[in-house]
Amino acid sequence: MLKLQRALGRTEALSRFLSPNVASILRTDEERSFLQLHRTKISVLFIDLRGFTSFSKRESPDQVMDVLATYYRTVGNAALRHKGTLGHLAGDGIMVFFNDPHPIPNHQDVALHMAMEARDALNIEKEKWRSHNFSLDFGIGLAEGFATIGEIGFDHFSQHSVIGAAVNFAARMCSMADKGQVLVSRRYRGTLRCPWEMESMGEMKLKGVDEPVAAFNVLSVQS
């Protein structure tokens, strides 16, 4: 019993430093195969704050950390409710991916549902920030495709990470989103099964992408 309690305690501690769905696997027989590099089709979501750099220079460290804590909690809880894997958290940037380590049917739609939940919750927080004269906003970008996932690093340090064109593309889409927009490409839109209401943003030139990309701002899911 004591050994089991210690194992459970270790899993709980790991979940504070890893995405919970990743931490849970590290205590099972799936650990070895899970850590090996593998390719899987995933959906990737990037979100970051607009105006955060100037905000962090202007406001006190306590205020900055309070905003970040609310932001992390809002996005993180939305990701966990939709079984997303928290893959990257640095400053005001967060990356979440779907369909690994556990398969998620229609993961493109699931990722978009998570994005809309996070958007609606952050719009409420944004009004609170404005009441304190904090000039902050956010943008969200999504992409889907094959990526390489697994343990990346060296002998003394490694992390569970994901790399690939889909990750880079989602980051570029996020960089073009503003004022709470949730941007997807024409390709992403073509994978969706739910009837989403979108507005065309025309063609955008993304850094590192040769051809202009037709982008759409997702407004809501149609009833």
C-alpha atoms as a PDB file:
ATOM      1  CA  MET A   1       0.000   0.000   0.000  1.00  0.00           C
ATOM      2  CA  LEU A   2       2.808   2.423   0.909  1.00  0.00           C
ATOM      3  CA  LYS A   3       4.531   1.700  -2.404  1.00  0.00           C
ATOM      4  CA  LEU A   4       1.284   2.384  -4.260  1.00  0.00           C
ATOM      5  CA  GLN A   5       0.760   5.646  -2.376  1.00  0.00           C
ATOM      6  CA  ARG A   6       4.272   6.750  -3.255  1.00  0.00           C
ATOM      7  CA  ALA A   7       3.693   5.894  -6.904  1.00  0.00           C
ATOM      8  CA  LEU A   8       0.441   7.841  -6.936  1.00  0.00           C
ATOM      9  CA  GLY A   9       2.144  10.763  -5.246  1.00  0.00           C
ATOM     10  CA  ARG A  10       4.895  10.715  -7.850  1.00  0.00           C
ATOM     11  CA  THR A  11       2.345  10.679 -10.658  1.00  0.00           C
ATOM     12  CA  GLU A  12       0.544  13.639  -9.112  1.00  0.00           C
ATOM     13  CA  ALA A  13       3.834  15.522  -8.806  1.00  0.00           C
ATOM     14  CA  LEU A  14       4.735  14.713 -12.414  1.00  0.00           C
ATOM     15  CA  SER A  15       1.393  16.035 -13.605  1.00  0.00           C
ATOM     16  CA  ARG A  16       2.380  19.485 -12.348  1.00  0.00           C
ATOM     17  CA  PHE A  17       5.405  19.530 -14.657  1.00  0.00           C
ATOM     18  CA  LEU A  18       4.019  17.510 -17.561  1.00  0.00           C
ATOM     19  CA  SER A  19       0.716  17.428 -19.330  1.00  0.00           C
ATOM     20  CA  PRO A  20      -1.447  15.158 -17.111  1.00  0.00           C
ATOM     21  CA  ASN A  21      -2.186  12.700 -19.925  1.00  0.00           C
ATOM     22  CA  VAL A  22       1.567  12.377 -20.496  1.00  0.00           C
ATOM     23  CA  ALA A  23       2.374  11.974 -16.790  1.00  0.00           C
ATOM     24  CA  SER A  24      -0.188   9.184 -16.414  1.00  0.00           C
ATOM     25  CA  ILE A  25       1.449   7.126 -19.181  1.00  0.00           C
ATOM     26  CA  LEU A  26       4.913   7.437 -17.617  1.00  0.00           C
ATOM     27  CA  ARG A  27       3.703   5.250 -14.740  1.00  0.00           C
ATOM     28  CA  THR A  28       2.428   2.430 -16.964  1.00  0.00           C
ATOM     29  CA  ASP A  29       3.857  -0.314 -19.156  1.00  0.00           C
ATOM     30  CA  GLU A  30       3.332   1.975 -22.144  1.00  0.00           C
ATOM     31  CA  GLU A  31       6.204   4.209 -21.036  1.00  0.00           C
ATOM     32  CA  ARG A  32       8.976   2.747 -23.211  1.00  0.00           C
ATOM     33  CA  SER A  33       7.032   2.752 -26.485  1.00  0.00           C
ATOM     34  CA  PHE A  34       5.438   6.108 -25.702  1.00  0.00           C
ATOM     35  CA  LEU A  35       8.793   7.879 -25.302  1.00  0.00           C
ATOM     36  CA  GLN A  36      10.108   6.610 -28.632  1.00  0.00           C
ATOM     37  CA  LEU A  37       9.858   9.003 -31.550  1.00  0.00           C
ATOM     38  CA  HIS A  38       6.821   8.334 -33.722  1.00  0.00           C
ATOM     39  CA  ARG A  39       4.794  10.092 -36.391  1.00  0.00           C
ATOM     40  CA  THR A  40       1.120  10.814 -35.903  1.00  0.00           C
ATOM     41  CA  LYS A  41      -1.430  13.095 -37.512  1.00  0.00           C
ATOM     42  CA  ILE A  42      -2.364  15.744 -34.967  1.00  0.00           C
ATOM     43  CA  SER A  43      -4.139  19.054 -34.635  1.00  0.00           C
ATOM     44  CA  VAL A  44      -2.058  21.852 -33.135  1.00  0.00           C
ATOM     45  CA  LEU A  45      -3.258  25.020 -31.414  1.00  0.00           C
ATOM     46  CA  PHE A  46      -1.081  28.031 -30.617  1.00  0.00           C
ATOM     47  CA  ILE A  47      -2.223  30.975 -28.537  1.00  0.00           C
ATOM     48  CA  ASP A  48      -0.390  34.021 -27.262  1.00  0.00           C
ATOM     49  CA  LEU A  49      -1.125  37.426 -25.824  1.00  0.00           C
ATOM     50  CA  ARG A  50      -0.934  40.689 -27.732  1.00  0.00           C
ATOM     51  CA  GLY A  51       0.780  43.596 -25.999  1.00  0.00           C
ATOM     52  CA  PHE A  52       2.341  41.373 -23.348  1.00  0.00           C
ATOM     53  CA  THR A  53       5.926  42.595 -23.769  1.00  0.00           C
ATOM     54  CA  SER A  54       5.078  46.252 -23.136  1.00  0.00           C
ATOM     55  CA  PHE A  55       2.654  45.237 -20.392  1.00  0.00           C
ATOM     56  CA  SER A  56       5.315  43.226 -18.568  1.00  0.00           C
ATOM     57  CA  LYS A  57       7.736  46.163 -18.723  1.00  0.00           C
ATOM     58  CA  ARG A  58       5.170  48.659 -17.450  1.00  0.00           C
ATOM     59  CA  GLU A  59       3.404  46.763 -14.666  1.00  0.00           C
ATOM     60  CA  SER A  60       4.683  45.250 -11.417  1.00  0.00           C
ATOM     61  CA  PRO A  61       5.935  41.632 -11.361  1.00  0.00           C
ATOM     62  CA  ASP A  62       2.998  40.660  -9.130  1.00  0.00           C
ATOM     63  CA  GLN A  63       0.475  42.026 -11.631  1.00  0.00           C
ATOM     64  CA  VAL A  64       2.241  40.312 -14.514  1.00  0.00           C
ATOM     65  CA  MET A  65       2.243  36.963 -12.728  1.00  0.00           C
ATOM     66  CA  ASP A  66      -1.420  37.342 -11.726  1.00  0.00           C
ATOM     67  CA  VAL A  67      -2.394  37.877 -15.371  1.00  0.00           C
ATOM     68  CA  LEU A  68      -0.269  34.955 -16.527  1.00  0.00           C
ATOM     69  CA  ALA A  69      -1.717  32.666 -13.839  1.00  0.00           C
ATOM     70  CA  THR A  70      -5.271  33.477 -14.963  1.00  0.00           C
ATOM     71  CA  TYR A  71      -4.306  33.069 -18.610  1.00  0.00           C
ATOM     72  CA  TYR A  72      -2.569  29.718 -18.059  1.00  0.00           C
ATOM     73  CA  ARG A  73      -5.448  28.410 -15.946  1.00  0.00           C
ATOM     74  CA  THR A  74      -8.079  29.464 -18.478  1.00  0.00           C
ATOM     75  CA  VAL A  75      -6.352  27.930 -21.492  1.00  0.00           C
ATOM     76  CA  GLY A  76      -5.012  24.905 -19.606  1.00  0.00           C
ATOM     77  CA  ASN A  77      -8.378  23.904 -18.177  1.00  0.00           C
ATOM     78  CA  ALA A  78     -10.016  24.218 -21.603  1.00  0.00           C
ATOM     79  CA  ALA A  79      -7.284  21.998 -23.078  1.00  0.00           C
ATOM     80  CA  LEU A  80      -7.686  19.322 -20.408  1.00  0.00           C
ATOM     81  CA  ARG A  81     -11.473  19.267 -20.794  1.00  0.00           C
ATOM     82  CA  HIS A  82     -10.961  18.436 -24.473  1.00  0.00           C
ATOM     83  CA  LYS A  83      -8.157  15.907 -23.807  1.00  0.00           C
ATOM     84  CA  GLY A  84      -5.506  18.119 -25.362  1.00  0.00           C
ATOM     85  CA  THR A  85      -1.820  17.626 -24.574  1.00  0.00           C
ATOM     86  CA  LEU A  86      -0.055  20.692 -23.217  1.00  0.00           C
ATOM     87  CA  GLY A  87       3.097  20.704 -25.292  1.00  0.00           C
ATOM     88  CA  HIS A  88       4.662  24.111 -24.755  1.00  0.00           C
ATOM     89  CA  LEU A  89       4.328  26.948 -22.279  1.00  0.00           C
ATOM     90  CA  ALA A  90       6.765  29.854 -22.432  1.00  0.00           C
ATOM     91  CA  GLY A  91       5.944  33.371 -21.337  1.00  0.00           C
ATOM     92  CA  ASP A  92       2.651  34.262 -22.969  1.00  0.00           C
ATOM     93  CA  GLY A  93       2.800  31.488 -25.572  1.00  0.00           C
ATOM     94  CA  ILE A  94       0.952  28.182 -25.190  1.00  0.00           C
ATOM     95  CA  MET A  95       0.885  25.215 -27.562  1.00  0.00           C
ATOM     96  CA  VAL A  96      -1.621  22.357 -27.290  1.00  0.00           C
ATOM     97  CA  PHE A  97      -1.889  19.322 -29.554  1.00  0.00           C
ATOM     98  CA  PHE A  98      -4.537  16.662 -30.026  1.00  0.00           C
ATOM     99  CA  ASN A  99      -4.651  12.961 -31.009  1.00  0.00           C
ATOM    100  CA  ASP A 100      -1.535  11.898 -29.076  1.00  0.00           C
ATOM    101  CA  PRO A 101      -0.822  10.120 -26.748  1.00  0.00           C
ATOM    102  CA  HIS A 102      -4.436   8.888 -27.013  1.00  0.00           C
ATOM    103  CA  PRO A 103      -6.439   8.884 -30.249  1.00  0.00           C
ATOM    104  CA  ILE A 104      -9.204  11.498 -30.499  1.00  0.00           C
ATOM    105  CA  PRO A 105     -11.832  10.978 -33.220  1.00  0.00           C
ATOM    106  CA  ASN A 106     -12.379  14.143 -35.281  1.00  0.00           C
ATOM    107  CA  HIS A 107      -9.497  15.819 -33.460  1.00  0.00           C
ATOM    108  CA  GLN A 108      -9.665  18.822 -35.806  1.00  0.00           C
ATOM    109  CA  ASP A 109     -13.161  19.650 -34.556  1.00  0.00           C
ATOM    110  CA  VAL A 110     -12.202  18.907 -30.948  1.00  0.00           C
ATOM    111  CA  ALA A 111      -9.229  21.278 -31.156  1.00  0.00           C
ATOM    112  CA  LEU A 112     -11.479  23.981 -32.574  1.00  0.00           C
ATOM    113  CA  HIS A 113     -14.068  23.469 -29.835  1.00  0.00           C
ATOM    114  CA  MET A 114     -11.266  23.917 -27.297  1.00  0.00           C
ATOM    115  CA  ALA A 115     -10.133  27.091 -29.081  1.00  0.00           C
ATOM    116  CA  MET A 116     -13.635  28.565 -28.940  1.00  0.00           C
ATOM    117  CA  GLU A 117     -14.009  27.730 -25.253  1.00  0.00           C
ATOM    118  CA  ALA A 118     -10.675  29.380 -24.489  1.00  0.00           C
ATOM    119  CA  ARG A 119     -11.596  32.381 -26.650  1.00  0.00           C
ATOM    120  CA  ASP A 120     -14.918  32.961 -24.883  1.00  0.00           C
ATOM    121  CA  ALA A 121     -13.351  32.633 -21.431  1.00  0.00           C
ATOM    122  CA  LEU A 122     -10.459  34.943 -22.304  1.00  0.00           C
ATOM    123  CA  ASN A 123     -12.848  37.551 -23.717  1.00  0.00           C
ATOM    124  CA  ILE A 124     -14.386  37.733 -20.242  1.00  0.00           C
ATOM    125  CA  GLU A 125     -10.940  38.068 -18.658  1.00  0.00           C
ATOM    126  CA  LYS A 126     -10.040  40.695 -21.247  1.00  0.00           C
ATOM    127  CA  GLU A 127     -12.790  42.967 -19.970  1.00  0.00           C
ATOM    128  CA  LYS A 128     -11.364  42.642 -16.460  1.00  0.00           C
ATOM    129  CA  TRP A 129      -7.892  43.506 -17.773  1.00  0.00           C
ATOM    130  CA  ARG A 130      -9.271  46.587 -19.479  1.00  0.00           C
ATOM    131  CA  SER A 131     -10.881  47.710 -16.217  1.00  0.00           C
ATOM    132  CA  HIS A 132      -7.334  47.825 -14.828  1.00  0.00           C
ATOM    133  CA  ASN A 133      -6.068  49.647 -17.940  1.00  0.00           C
ATOM    134  CA  PHE A 134      -4.131  46.596 -19.113  1.00  0.00           C
ATOM    135  CA  SER A 135      -3.785  46.800 -22.898  1.00  0.00           C
ATOM    136  CA  LEU A 136      -3.851  43.072 -23.579  1.00  0.00           C
ATOM    137  CA  ASP A 137      -5.481  40.937 -26.233  1.00  0.00           C
ATOM    138  CA  PHE A 138      -4.834  37.511 -27.757  1.00  0.00           C
ATOM    139  CA  GLY A 139      -4.836  35.474 -30.949  1.00  0.00           C
ATOM    140  CA  ILE A 140      -5.250  31.773 -31.727  1.00  0.00           C
ATOM    141  CA  GLY A 141      -4.095  29.737 -34.725  1.00  0.00           C
ATOM    142  CA  LEU A 142      -4.659  26.084 -35.627  1.00  0.00           C
ATOM    143  CA  ALA A 143      -3.228  23.600 -38.098  1.00  0.00           C
ATOM    144  CA  GLU A 144      -3.318  19.857 -38.685  1.00  0.00           C
ATOM    145  CA  GLY A 145      -1.002  17.310 -40.211  1.00  0.00           C
ATOM    146  CA  PHE A 146       1.659  14.733 -39.446  1.00  0.00           C
ATOM    147  CA  ALA A 147       4.251  15.503 -36.786  1.00  0.00           C
ATOM    148  CA  THR A 148       7.071  13.714 -34.987  1.00  0.00           C
ATOM    149  CA  ILE A 149       6.398  13.224 -31.287  1.00  0.00           C
ATOM    150  CA  GLY A 150       8.449  11.743 -28.464  1.00  0.00           C
ATOM    151  CA  GLU A 151      11.436  12.222 -26.190  1.00  0.00           C
ATOM    152  CA  ILE A 152      13.787  14.874 -27.559  1.00  0.00           C
ATOM    153  CA  GLY A 153      16.966  15.985 -25.817  1.00  0.00           C
ATOM    154  CA  PHE A 154      20.291  14.565 -24.621  1.00  0.00           C
ATOM    155  CA  ASP A 155      21.682  12.452 -21.771  1.00  0.00           C
ATOM    156  CA  HIS A 156      21.033  14.947 -18.978  1.00  0.00           C
ATOM    157  CA  PHE A 157      17.867  16.632 -20.147  1.00  0.00           C
ATOM    158  CA  SER A 158      14.992  15.701 -22.412  1.00  0.00           C
ATOM    159  CA  GLN A 159      11.364  16.610 -22.880  1.00  0.00           C
ATOM    160  CA  HIS A 160       8.273  15.213 -24.511  1.00  0.00           C
ATOM    161  CA  SER A 161       7.962  17.383 -27.576  1.00  0.00           C
ATOM    162  CA  VAL A 162       6.420  17.629 -31.026  1.00  0.00           C
ATOM    163  CA  ILE A 163       8.026  18.936 -34.201  1.00  0.00           C
ATOM    164  CA  GLY A 164       6.859  19.228 -37.787  1.00  0.00           C
ATOM    165  CA  ALA A 165       5.369  21.470 -40.442  1.00  0.00           C
ATOM    166  CA  ALA A 166       1.939  21.440 -38.781  1.00  0.00           C
ATOM    167  CA  VAL A 167       3.438  22.881 -35.582  1.00  0.00           C
ATOM    168  CA  ASN A 168       5.203  25.662 -37.467  1.00  0.00           C
ATOM    169  CA  PHE A 169       2.109  26.430 -39.519  1.00  0.00           C
ATOM    170  CA  ALA A 170      -0.101  26.746 -36.419  1.00  0.00           C
ATOM    171  CA  ALA A 171       2.429  29.145 -34.893  1.00  0.00           C
ATOM    172  CA  ARG A 172       2.407  31.279 -38.057  1.00  0.00           C
ATOM    173  CA  MET A 173      -1.392  31.362 -38.117  1.00  0.00           C
ATOM    174  CA  CYS A 174      -1.402  32.413 -34.487  1.00  0.00           C
ATOM    175  CA  SER A 175       0.998  35.276 -35.241  1.00  0.00           C
ATOM    176  CA  MET A 176      -1.519  36.665 -37.750  1.00  0.00           C
ATOM    177  CA  ALA A 177      -4.531  36.433 -35.401  1.00  0.00           C
ATOM    178  CA  ASP A 178      -5.546  39.513 -33.458  1.00  0.00           C
ATOM    179  CA  LYS A 179      -8.313  40.804 -31.164  1.00  0.00           C
ATOM    180  CA  GLY A 180      -9.446  37.336 -30.135  1.00  0.00           C
ATOM    181  CA  GLN A 181      -9.471  35.841 -33.619  1.00  0.00           C
ATOM    182  CA  VAL A 182      -9.272  32.076 -34.136  1.00  0.00           C
ATOM    183  CA  LEU A 183      -7.630  31.492 -37.516  1.00  0.00           C
ATOM    184  CA  VAL A 184      -7.600  28.335 -39.631  1.00  0.00           C
ATOM    185  CA  SER A 185      -6.559  27.649 -43.212  1.00  0.00           C
ATOM    186  CA  ARG A 186      -8.711  26.436 -46.091  1.00  0.00           C
ATOM    187  CA  ARG A 187      -7.093  23.020 -45.668  1.00  0.00           C
ATOM    188  CA  TYR A 188      -8.030  22.860 -41.998  1.00  0.00           C
ATOM    189  CA  ARG A 189     -11.567  23.965 -42.767  1.00  0.00           C
ATOM    190  CA  GLY A 190     -11.851  21.086 -45.238  1.00  0.00           C
ATOM    191  CA  THR A 191     -11.175  18.503 -42.486  1.00  0.00           C
ATOM    192  CA  LEU A 192     -13.992  19.673 -40.202  1.00  0.00           C
ATOM    193  CA  ARG A 193     -17.207  17.724 -39.748  1.00  0.00           C
ATOM    194  CA  CYS A 194     -19.144  20.170 -37.587  1.00  0.00           C
ATOM    195  CA  PRO A 195     -20.885  23.083 -39.362  1.00  0.00           C
ATOM    196  CA  TRP A 196     -18.733  26.050 -38.330  1.00  0.00           C
ATOM    197  CA  GLU A 197     -19.546  29.664 -39.116  1.00  0.00           C
ATOM    198  CA  MET A 198     -16.483  31.475 -40.458  1.00  0.00           C
ATOM    199  CA  GLU A 199     -15.534  34.713 -42.136  1.00  0.00           C
ATOM    200  CA  SER A 200     -12.920  34.877 -44.862  1.00  0.00           C
ATOM    201  CA  MET A 201      -9.816  36.907 -44.031  1.00  0.00           C
ATOM    202  CA  GLY A 202      -8.518  36.715 -47.594  1.00  0.00           C
ATOM    203  CA  GLU A 203      -5.044  35.465 -48.390  1.00  0.00           C
ATOM    204  CA  MET A 204      -2.232  35.946 -45.883  1.00  0.00           C
ATOM    205  CA  LYS A 205       1.507  35.770 -46.438  1.00  0.00           C
ATOM    206  CA  LEU A 206       2.972  33.661 -43.656  1.00  0.00           C
ATOM    207  CA  LYS A 207       6.636  33.699 -42.743  1.00  0.00           C
ATOM    208  CA  GLY A 208       8.350  30.581 -44.082  1.00  0.00           C
ATOM    209  CA  VAL A 209       5.405  29.658 -46.335  1.00  0.00           C
ATOM    210  CA  ASP A 210       6.007  30.157 -50.058  1.00  0.00           C
ATOM    211  CA  GLU A 211       2.429  30.663 -51.235  1.00  0.00           C
ATOM    212  CA  PRO A 212      -0.221  32.958 -49.701  1.00  0.00           C
ATOM    213  CA  VAL A 213      -2.643  31.096 -47.459  1.00  0.00           C
ATOM    214  CA  ALA A 214      -6.428  31.527 -47.532  1.00  0.00           C
ATOM    215  CA  ALA A 215      -7.350  32.157 -43.891  1.00  0.00           C
ATOM    216  CA  PHE A 216     -10.670  32.083 -42.050  1.00  0.00           C
ATOM    217  CA  ASN A 217     -11.681  33.511 -38.703  1.00  0.00           C
ATOM    218  CA  VAL A 218     -13.931  31.032 -36.877  1.00  0.00           C
ATOM    219  CA  LEU A 219     -16.951  32.755 -35.348  1.00  0.00           C
ATOM    220  CA  SER A 220     -19.049  29.944 -33.870  1.00  0.00           C
ATOM    221  CA  VAL A 221     -20.341  26.440 -34.406  1.00  0.00           C
ATOM    222  CA  GLN A 222     -23.726  26.467 -36.122  1.00  0.00           C
ATOM    223  CA  SER A 223     -26.620  24.985 -34.188  1.00  0.00           C
END
